[in-house]
Amino acid sequence: MEKFIIGLTVGMAAGALLVANNCKLRNLVKKNQEDLMEKAENYIDAKLEQLEKGGKEKKPAQNAKTSE
């Protein structure tokens, strides 16, 4: 387990050095981060919209039960 953690740490450091010293890699990382953030925002917006639609449909049914 210790060897894995050391290897992971060394790999992360080497990757960070490669990205820091290479403009093309840096731009690629930025582009991928932006794409990932956009996908996450779209997913969250879709989930919130589903919750809002679900909540609007359930509220009248709950009000009908309470008014009876």
PDB file of N, CA and C in Angstrom:
ATOM      1  N   MET A   1       0.829  -1.188   0.000  1.00  0.00           N
ATOM      2  CA  MET A   1       0.000   0.000   0.000  1.00  0.00           C
ATOM      3  C   MET A   1       0.874   1.253   0.000  1.00  0.00           C
ATOM      4  N   GLU A   2       1.985   1.202   0.728  1.00  0.00           N
ATOM      5  CA  GLU A   2       2.874   2.359   0.785  1.00  0.00           C
ATOM      6  C   GLU A   2       3.490   2.637  -0.582  1.00  0.00           C
ATOM      7  N   LYS A   3       3.841   1.558  -1.298  1.00  0.00           N
ATOM      8  CA  LYS A   3       4.427   1.731  -2.633  1.00  0.00           C
ATOM      9  C   LYS A   3       3.425   2.372  -3.573  1.00  0.00           C
ATOM     10  N   PHE A   4       2.163   1.998  -3.450  1.00  0.00           N
ATOM     11  CA  PHE A   4       1.123   2.584  -4.291  1.00  0.00           C
ATOM     12  C   PHE A   4       0.996   4.079  -4.034  1.00  0.00           C
ATOM     13  N   ILE A   5       0.961   4.457  -2.770  1.00  0.00           N
ATOM     14  CA  ILE A   5       0.825   5.868  -2.407  1.00  0.00           C
ATOM     15  C   ILE A   5       2.030   6.661  -2.886  1.00  0.00           C
ATOM     16  N   ILE A   6       3.215   6.101  -2.730  1.00  0.00           N
ATOM     17  CA  ILE A   6       4.429   6.788  -3.202  1.00  0.00           C
ATOM     18  C   ILE A   6       4.393   6.917  -4.717  1.00  0.00           C
ATOM     19  N   GLY A   7       4.005   5.857  -5.410  1.00  0.00           N
ATOM     20  CA  GLY A   7       3.910   5.908  -6.871  1.00  0.00           C
ATOM     21  C   GLY A   7       2.883   6.913  -7.341  1.00  0.00           C
ATOM     22  N   LEU A   8       1.749   6.960  -6.669  1.00  0.00           N
ATOM     23  CA  LEU A   8       0.706   7.922  -7.003  1.00  0.00           C
ATOM     24  C   LEU A   8       1.205   9.352  -6.817  1.00  0.00           C
ATOM     25  N   THR A   9       1.893   9.599  -5.724  1.00  0.00           N
ATOM     26  CA  THR A   9       2.421  10.932  -5.440  1.00  0.00           C
ATOM     27  C   THR A   9       3.463  11.340  -6.474  1.00  0.00           C
ATOM     28  N   VAL A  10       4.379  10.435  -6.806  1.00  0.00           N
ATOM     29  CA  VAL A  10       5.419  10.735  -7.797  1.00  0.00           C
ATOM     30  C   VAL A  10       4.780  10.966  -9.167  1.00  0.00           C
ATOM     31  N   GLY A  11       3.778  10.167  -9.515  1.00  0.00           N
ATOM     32  CA  GLY A  11       3.090  10.343 -10.788  1.00  0.00           C
ATOM     33  C   GLY A  11       2.367  11.671 -10.872  1.00  0.00           C
ATOM     34  N   MET A  12       1.717  12.055  -9.788  1.00  0.00           N
ATOM     35  CA  MET A  12       1.034  13.350  -9.771  1.00  0.00           C
ATOM     36  C   MET A  12       2.026  14.492  -9.913  1.00  0.00           C
ATOM     37  N   ALA A  13       3.153  14.399  -9.226  1.00  0.00           N
ATOM     38  CA  ALA A  13       4.175  15.450  -9.306  1.00  0.00           C
ATOM     39  C   ALA A  13       4.742  15.523 -10.716  1.00  0.00           C
ATOM     40  N   ALA A  14       5.028  14.364 -11.324  1.00  0.00           N
ATOM     41  CA  ALA A  14       5.569  14.353 -12.692  1.00  0.00           C
ATOM     42  C   ALA A  14       4.552  14.925 -13.669  1.00  0.00           C
ATOM     43  N   GLY A  15       3.290  14.575 -13.512  1.00  0.00           N
ATOM     44  CA  GLY A  15       2.250  15.115 -14.377  1.00  0.00           C
ATOM     45  C   GLY A  15       2.116  16.621 -14.223  1.00  0.00           C
ATOM     46  N   ALA A  16       2.196  17.096 -13.003  1.00  0.00           N
ATOM     47  CA  ALA A  16       2.117  18.541 -12.769  1.00  0.00           C
ATOM     48  C   ALA A  16       3.290  19.265 -13.414  1.00  0.00           C
ATOM     49  N   LEU A  17       4.471  18.675 -13.337  1.00  0.00           N
ATOM     50  CA  LEU A  17       5.639  19.296 -13.972  1.00  0.00           C
ATOM     51  C   LEU A  17       5.497  19.317 -15.491  1.00  0.00           C
ATOM     52  N   LEU A  18       4.991  18.238 -16.064  1.00  0.00           N
ATOM     53  CA  LEU A  18       4.798  18.208 -17.510  1.00  0.00           C
ATOM     54  C   LEU A  18       3.810  19.274 -17.958  1.00  0.00           C
ATOM     55  N   VAL A  19       2.721  19.392 -17.242  1.00  0.00           N
ATOM     56  CA  VAL A  19       1.706  20.375 -17.607  1.00  0.00           C
ATOM     57  C   VAL A  19       2.233  21.792 -17.412  1.00  0.00           C
ATOM     58  N   ALA A  20       2.984  22.011 -16.352  1.00  0.00           N
ATOM     59  CA  ALA A  20       3.502  23.347 -16.075  1.00  0.00           C
ATOM     60  C   ALA A  20       4.518  23.788 -17.127  1.00  0.00           C
ATOM     61  N   ASN A  21       5.234  22.834 -17.710  1.00  0.00           N
ATOM     62  CA  ASN A  21       6.287  23.196 -18.652  1.00  0.00           C
ATOM     63  C   ASN A  21       5.878  23.072 -20.114  1.00  0.00           C
ATOM     64  N   ASN A  22       4.653  22.682 -20.397  1.00  0.00           N
ATOM     65  CA  ASN A  22       4.237  22.499 -21.772  1.00  0.00           C
ATOM     66  C   ASN A  22       2.950  23.283 -22.007  1.00  0.00           C
ATOM     67  N   CYS A  23       3.016  24.265 -22.896  1.00  0.00           N
ATOM     68  CA  CYS A  23       1.880  25.146 -23.151  1.00  0.00           C
ATOM     69  C   CYS A  23       0.707  24.377 -23.761  1.00  0.00           C
ATOM     70  N   LYS A  24       0.979  23.449 -24.671  1.00  0.00           N
ATOM     71  CA  LYS A  24      -0.093  22.690 -25.317  1.00  0.00           C
ATOM     72  C   LYS A  24      -0.837  21.843 -24.285  1.00  0.00           C
ATOM     73  N   LEU A  25      -0.093  21.193 -23.407  1.00  0.00           N
ATOM     74  CA  LEU A  25      -0.735  20.384 -22.366  1.00  0.00           C
ATOM     75  C   LEU A  25      -1.541  21.259 -21.408  1.00  0.00           C
ATOM     76  N   ARG A  26      -1.019  22.428 -21.086  1.00  0.00           N
ATOM     77  CA  ARG A  26      -1.716  23.333 -20.178  1.00  0.00           C
ATOM     78  C   ARG A  26      -3.054  23.755 -20.786  1.00  0.00           C
ATOM     79  N   ASN A  27      -3.040  24.095 -22.084  1.00  0.00           N
ATOM     80  CA  ASN A  27      -4.273  24.491 -22.754  1.00  0.00           C
ATOM     81  C   ASN A  27      -5.249  23.328 -22.843  1.00  0.00           C
ATOM     82  N   LEU A  28      -4.733  22.119 -23.069  1.00  0.00           N
ATOM     83  CA  LEU A  28      -5.581  20.939 -23.126  1.00  0.00           C
ATOM     84  C   LEU A  28      -6.255  20.686 -21.776  1.00  0.00           C
ATOM     85  N   VAL A  29      -5.501  20.835 -20.702  1.00  0.00           N
ATOM     86  CA  VAL A  29      -6.057  20.642 -19.368  1.00  0.00           C
ATOM     87  C   VAL A  29      -7.132  21.684 -19.087  1.00  0.00           C
ATOM     88  N   LYS A  30      -6.875  22.943 -19.440  1.00  0.00           N
ATOM     89  CA  LYS A  30      -7.862  24.000 -19.227  1.00  0.00           C
ATOM     90  C   LYS A  30      -9.136  23.717 -20.013  1.00  0.00           C
ATOM     91  N   LYS A  31      -8.982  23.293 -21.268  1.00  0.00           N
ATOM     92  CA  LYS A  31     -10.144  23.003 -22.113  1.00  0.00           C
ATOM     93  C   LYS A  31     -10.963  21.856 -21.513  1.00  0.00           C
ATOM     94  N   ASN A  32     -10.289  20.812 -21.077  1.00  0.00           N
ATOM     95  CA  ASN A  32     -10.993  19.676 -20.488  1.00  0.00           C
ATOM     96  C   ASN A  32     -11.691  20.060 -19.185  1.00  0.00           C
ATOM     97  N   GLN A  33     -11.066  20.919 -18.398  1.00  0.00           N
ATOM     98  CA  GLN A  33     -11.693  21.378 -17.161  1.00  0.00           C
ATOM     99  C   GLN A  33     -12.957  22.181 -17.468  1.00  0.00           C
ATOM    100  N   GLU A  34     -12.884  23.047 -18.484  1.00  0.00           N
ATOM    101  CA  GLU A  34     -14.049  23.843 -18.869  1.00  0.00           C
ATOM    102  C   GLU A  34     -15.174  22.946 -19.371  1.00  0.00           C
ATOM    103  N   ASP A  35     -14.839  21.946 -20.176  1.00  0.00           N
ATOM    104  CA  ASP A  35     -15.843  21.013 -20.682  1.00  0.00           C
ATOM    105  C   ASP A  35     -16.502  20.248 -19.540  1.00  0.00           C
ATOM    106  N   LEU A  36     -15.693  19.796 -18.603  1.00  0.00           N
ATOM    107  CA  LEU A  36     -16.222  19.061 -17.462  1.00  0.00           C
ATOM    108  C   LEU A  36     -17.135  19.933 -16.616  1.00  0.00           C
ATOM    109  N   MET A  37     -16.748  21.174 -16.377  1.00  0.00           N
ATOM    110  CA  MET A  37     -17.575  22.083 -15.598  1.00  0.00           C
ATOM    111  C   MET A  37     -18.894  22.368 -16.316  1.00  0.00           C
ATOM    112  N   GLU A  38     -18.848  22.528 -17.634  1.00  0.00           N
ATOM    113  CA  GLU A  38     -20.063  22.783 -18.404  1.00  0.00           C
ATOM    114  C   GLU A  38     -21.013  21.585 -18.327  1.00  0.00           C
ATOM    115  N   LYS A  39     -20.466  20.382 -18.448  1.00  0.00           N
ATOM    116  CA  LYS A  39     -21.295  19.177 -18.343  1.00  0.00           C
ATOM    117  C   LYS A  39     -21.903  19.061 -16.958  1.00  0.00           C
ATOM    118  N   ALA A  40     -21.124  19.376 -15.933  1.00  0.00           N
ATOM    119  CA  ALA A  40     -21.624  19.304 -14.558  1.00  0.00           C
ATOM    120  C   ALA A  40     -22.742  20.326 -14.346  1.00  0.00           C
ATOM    121  N   GLU A  41     -22.569  21.529 -14.859  1.00  0.00           N
ATOM    122  CA  GLU A  41     -23.598  22.563 -14.720  1.00  0.00           C
ATOM    123  C   GLU A  41     -24.876  22.150 -15.438  1.00  0.00           C
ATOM    124  N   ASN A  42     -24.745  21.597 -16.647  1.00  0.00           N
ATOM    125  CA  ASN A  42     -25.924  21.138 -17.386  1.00  0.00           C
ATOM    126  C   ASN A  42     -26.644  20.024 -16.639  1.00  0.00           C
ATOM    127  N   TYR A  43     -25.882  19.105 -16.064  1.00  0.00           N
ATOM    128  CA  TYR A  43     -26.461  18.002 -15.307  1.00  0.00           C
ATOM    129  C   TYR A  43     -27.210  18.526 -14.084  1.00  0.00           C
ATOM    130  N   ILE A  44     -26.594  19.453 -13.366  1.00  0.00           N
ATOM    131  CA  ILE A  44     -27.216  20.014 -12.174  1.00  0.00           C
ATOM    132  C   ILE A  44     -28.480  20.784 -12.551  1.00  0.00           C
ATOM    133  N   ASP A  45     -28.417  21.565 -13.645  1.00  0.00           N
ATOM    134  CA  ASP A  45     -29.597  22.306 -14.089  1.00  0.00           C
ATOM    135  C   ASP A  45     -30.736  21.360 -14.450  1.00  0.00           C
ATOM    136  N   ALA A  46     -30.412  20.257 -15.140  1.00  0.00           N
ATOM    137  CA  ALA A  46     -31.439  19.286 -15.524  1.00  0.00           C
ATOM    138  C   ALA A  46     -32.060  18.651 -14.283  1.00  0.00           C
ATOM    139  N   LYS A  47     -31.240  18.304 -13.297  1.00  0.00           N
ATOM    140  CA  LYS A  47     -31.753  17.699 -12.070  1.00  0.00           C
ATOM    141  C   LYS A  47     -32.634  18.682 -11.295  1.00  0.00           C
ATOM    142  N   LEU A  48     -32.217  19.941 -11.228  1.00  0.00           N
ATOM    143  CA  LEU A  48     -33.024  20.944 -10.534  1.00  0.00           C
ATOM    144  C   LEU A  48     -34.354  21.157 -11.246  1.00  0.00           C
ATOM    145  N   GLU A  49     -34.320  21.157 -12.572  1.00  0.00           N
ATOM    146  CA  GLU A  49     -35.548  21.314 -13.337  1.00  0.00           C
ATOM    147  C   GLU A  49     -36.495  20.141 -13.093  1.00  0.00           C
ATOM    148  N   GLN A  50     -35.949  18.937 -13.032  1.00  0.00           N
ATOM    149  CA  GLN A  50     -36.774  17.763 -12.734  1.00  0.00           C
ATOM    150  C   GLN A  50     -37.377  17.866 -11.340  1.00  0.00           C
ATOM    151  N   LEU A  51     -36.585  18.334 -10.380  1.00  0.00           N
ATOM    152  CA  LEU A  51     -37.099  18.486  -9.017  1.00  0.00           C
ATOM    153  C   LEU A  51     -38.203  19.528  -8.953  1.00  0.00           C
ATOM    154  N   GLU A  52     -38.022  20.628  -9.699  1.00  0.00           N
ATOM    155  CA  GLU A  52     -39.039  21.673  -9.711  1.00  0.00           C
ATOM    156  C   GLU A  52     -40.327  21.165 -10.342  1.00  0.00           C
ATOM    157  N   LYS A  53     -40.211  20.439 -11.446  1.00  0.00           N
ATOM    158  CA  LYS A  53     -41.404  19.888 -12.093  1.00  0.00           C
ATOM    159  C   LYS A  53     -42.080  18.880 -11.182  1.00  0.00           C
ATOM    160  N   GLY A  54     -41.287  18.041 -10.555  1.00  0.00           N
ATOM    161  CA  GLY A  54     -41.832  17.043  -9.635  1.00  0.00           C
ATOM    162  C   GLY A  54     -42.478  17.699  -8.434  1.00  0.00           C
ATOM    163  N   GLY A  55     -41.882  18.743  -7.925  1.00  0.00           N
ATOM    164  CA  GLY A  55     -42.418  19.454  -6.769  1.00  0.00           C
ATOM    165  C   GLY A  55     -43.710  20.169  -7.096  1.00  0.00           C
ATOM    166  N   LYS A  56     -43.822  20.737  -8.301  1.00  0.00           N
ATOM    167  CA  LYS A  56     -45.037  21.443  -8.700  1.00  0.00           C
ATOM    168  C   LYS A  56     -46.193  20.473  -8.874  1.00  0.00           C
ATOM    169  N   GLU A  57     -45.894  19.279  -9.372  1.00  0.00           N
ATOM    170  CA  GLU A  57     -46.945  18.295  -9.573  1.00  0.00           C
ATOM    171  C   GLU A  57     -47.427  17.728  -8.245  1.00  0.00           C
ATOM    172  N   LYS A  58     -46.541  17.596  -7.289  1.00  0.00           N
ATOM    173  CA  LYS A  58     -46.909  16.998  -6.009  1.00  0.00           C
ATOM    174  C   LYS A  58     -47.645  17.980  -5.099  1.00  0.00           C
ATOM    175  N   LYS A  59     -47.333  19.268  -5.206  1.00  0.00           N
ATOM    176  CA  LYS A  59     -47.942  20.252  -4.304  1.00  0.00           C
ATOM    177  C   LYS A  59     -49.460  20.312  -4.428  1.00  0.00           C
ATOM    178  N   PRO A  60     -50.044  20.385  -5.641  1.00  0.00           N
ATOM    179  CA  PRO A  60     -51.508  20.416  -5.711  1.00  0.00           C
ATOM    180  C   PRO A  60     -52.138  19.154  -5.133  1.00  0.00           C
ATOM    181  N   ALA A  61     -51.527  18.013  -5.323  1.00  0.00           N
ATOM    182  CA  ALA A  61     -52.064  16.769  -4.780  1.00  0.00           C
ATOM    183  C   ALA A  61     -52.035  16.822  -3.253  1.00  0.00           C
ATOM    184  N   GLN A  62     -50.997  17.377  -2.681  1.00  0.00           N
ATOM    185  CA  GLN A  62     -50.919  17.485  -1.234  1.00  0.00           C
ATOM    186  C   GLN A  62     -51.951  18.486  -0.715  1.00  0.00           C
ATOM    187  N   ASN A  63     -52.143  19.591  -1.454  1.00  0.00           N
ATOM    188  CA  ASN A  63     -53.138  20.599  -1.040  1.00  0.00           C
ATOM    189  C   ASN A  63     -54.541  20.020  -1.121  1.00  0.00           C
ATOM    190  N   ALA A  64     -54.797  19.196  -2.135  1.00  0.00           N
ATOM    191  CA  ALA A  64     -56.112  18.588  -2.274  1.00  0.00           C
ATOM    192  C   ALA A  64     -56.407  17.668  -1.102  1.00  0.00           C
ATOM    193  N   LYS A  65     -55.409  16.947  -0.637  1.00  0.00           N
ATOM    194  CA  LYS A  65     -55.598  16.043   0.484  1.00  0.00           C
ATOM    195  C   LYS A  65     -55.873  16.817   1.776  1.00  0.00           C
ATOM    196  N   THR A  66     -55.203  17.930   1.948  1.00  0.00           N
ATOM    197  CA  THR A  66     -55.366  18.693   3.180  1.00  0.00           C
ATOM    198  C   THR A  66     -56.696  19.427   3.190  1.00  0.00           C
ATOM    199  N   SER A  67     -57.241  19.779   2.016  1.00  0.00           N
ATOM    200  CA  SER A  67     -58.493  20.519   1.969  1.00  0.00           C
ATOM    201  C   SER A  67     -59.697  19.622   2.149  1.00  0.00           C
ATOM    202  N   GLU A  68     -59.525  18.294   2.004  1.00  0.00           N
ATOM    203  CA  GLU A  68     -60.652  17.370   2.157  1.00  0.00           C
ATOM    204  C   GLU A  68     -61.033  17.195   3.562  1.00  0.00           C
TER     205      GLU A  68
END
